[in-house]
């Protein structure tokens, strides 16, 4: 992705501590005003499990960057 003014791009697994630290650094250890994520978990083929994994992943993103 081409750089955008005022946009911080971090690629990695949100569950990894080094990625969380990189995100926190980019945010200046403050909460984000806007979070845009295209994160998806690895799907296993069970709709319920896949849904719950997606919910968990999005909660982790919000916990780190937003609320």
Protein backbone atom coordinates (compact mmCIF):
# COMPACT_ATOMS: atom_id res chain seq x y z
CA UNK A 1 0.00 0.00 0.00
CA UNK A 2 1.27 3.45 -0.87
CA UNK A 3 1.91 5.70 2.15
CA UNK A 4 -0.83 8.17 3.12
CA UNK A 5 -0.27 11.34 5.15
CA UNK A 6 -1.36 10.84 8.75
CA UNK A 7 -1.93 7.09 8.31
CA UNK A 8 0.15 4.53 10.21
CA UNK A 9 0.36 1.10 8.61
CA UNK A 10 1.41 -1.96 10.61
CA UNK A 11 1.37 -5.45 9.14
CA UNK A 12 1.50 -8.44 11.46
CA UNK A 13 -0.41 -10.67 13.85
CA UNK A 14 -2.26 -8.58 16.47
CA UNK A 15 -1.75 -11.41 18.98
CA UNK A 16 2.04 -11.05 18.84
CA UNK A 17 3.56 -8.80 21.49
CA UNK A 18 6.08 -7.22 19.09
CA UNK A 19 3.25 -6.20 16.72
CA UNK A 20 1.24 -4.76 19.64
CA UNK A 21 4.28 -2.75 20.71
CA UNK A 22 4.81 -1.45 17.17
CA UNK A 23 1.16 -0.34 17.01
CA UNK A 24 1.41 1.33 20.42
CA UNK A 25 4.55 3.16 19.31
CA UNK A 26 2.84 4.39 16.12
CA UNK A 27 -0.06 5.69 18.25
CA UNK A 28 2.30 7.48 20.65
CA UNK A 29 0.93 5.20 23.39
CA UNK A 30 -2.46 6.91 23.04
CA UNK A 31 -5.81 5.55 21.86
CA UNK A 32 -6.60 5.74 18.15
CA UNK A 33 -9.25 8.07 16.71
CA UNK A 34 -9.99 5.67 13.85
CA UNK A 35 -9.07 2.01 13.39
CA UNK A 36 -9.29 0.34 10.00
CA UNK A 37 -8.36 -3.32 10.02
CA UNK A 38 -8.63 -6.06 7.43
CA UNK A 39 -7.67 -8.75 9.91
CA UNK A 40 -9.28 -12.16 9.55
CA UNK A 41 -8.55 -15.34 11.46
CA UNK A 42 -7.60 -18.61 9.80
CA UNK A 43 -10.89 -20.28 8.97
CA UNK A 44 -11.47 -23.88 10.01
CA UNK A 45 -14.72 -24.48 8.10
CA UNK A 46 -17.09 -24.46 11.07
CA UNK A 47 -19.28 -21.35 10.82
CA UNK A 48 -19.69 -20.97 14.58
CA UNK A 49 -15.99 -21.38 15.37
CA UNK A 50 -14.98 -19.14 12.45
CA UNK A 51 -17.41 -16.46 13.65
CA UNK A 52 -16.21 -16.64 17.26
CA UNK A 53 -12.56 -16.44 16.14
CA UNK A 54 -13.38 -13.34 14.07
CA UNK A 55 -15.17 -11.74 17.04
CA UNK A 56 -12.21 -12.52 19.31
CA UNK A 57 -9.75 -11.03 16.82
CA UNK A 58 -11.74 -7.82 16.45
CA UNK A 59 -12.06 -7.47 20.22
CA UNK A 60 -8.28 -7.75 20.51
CA UNK A 61 -7.86 -5.00 17.90
CA UNK A 62 -10.31 -2.71 19.71
CA UNK A 63 -8.76 -3.42 23.08
CA UNK A 64 -5.32 -2.41 21.83
CA UNK A 65 -6.24 0.53 19.61
CA UNK A 66 -9.57 1.91 20.66
CA UNK A 67 -11.73 1.43 23.68
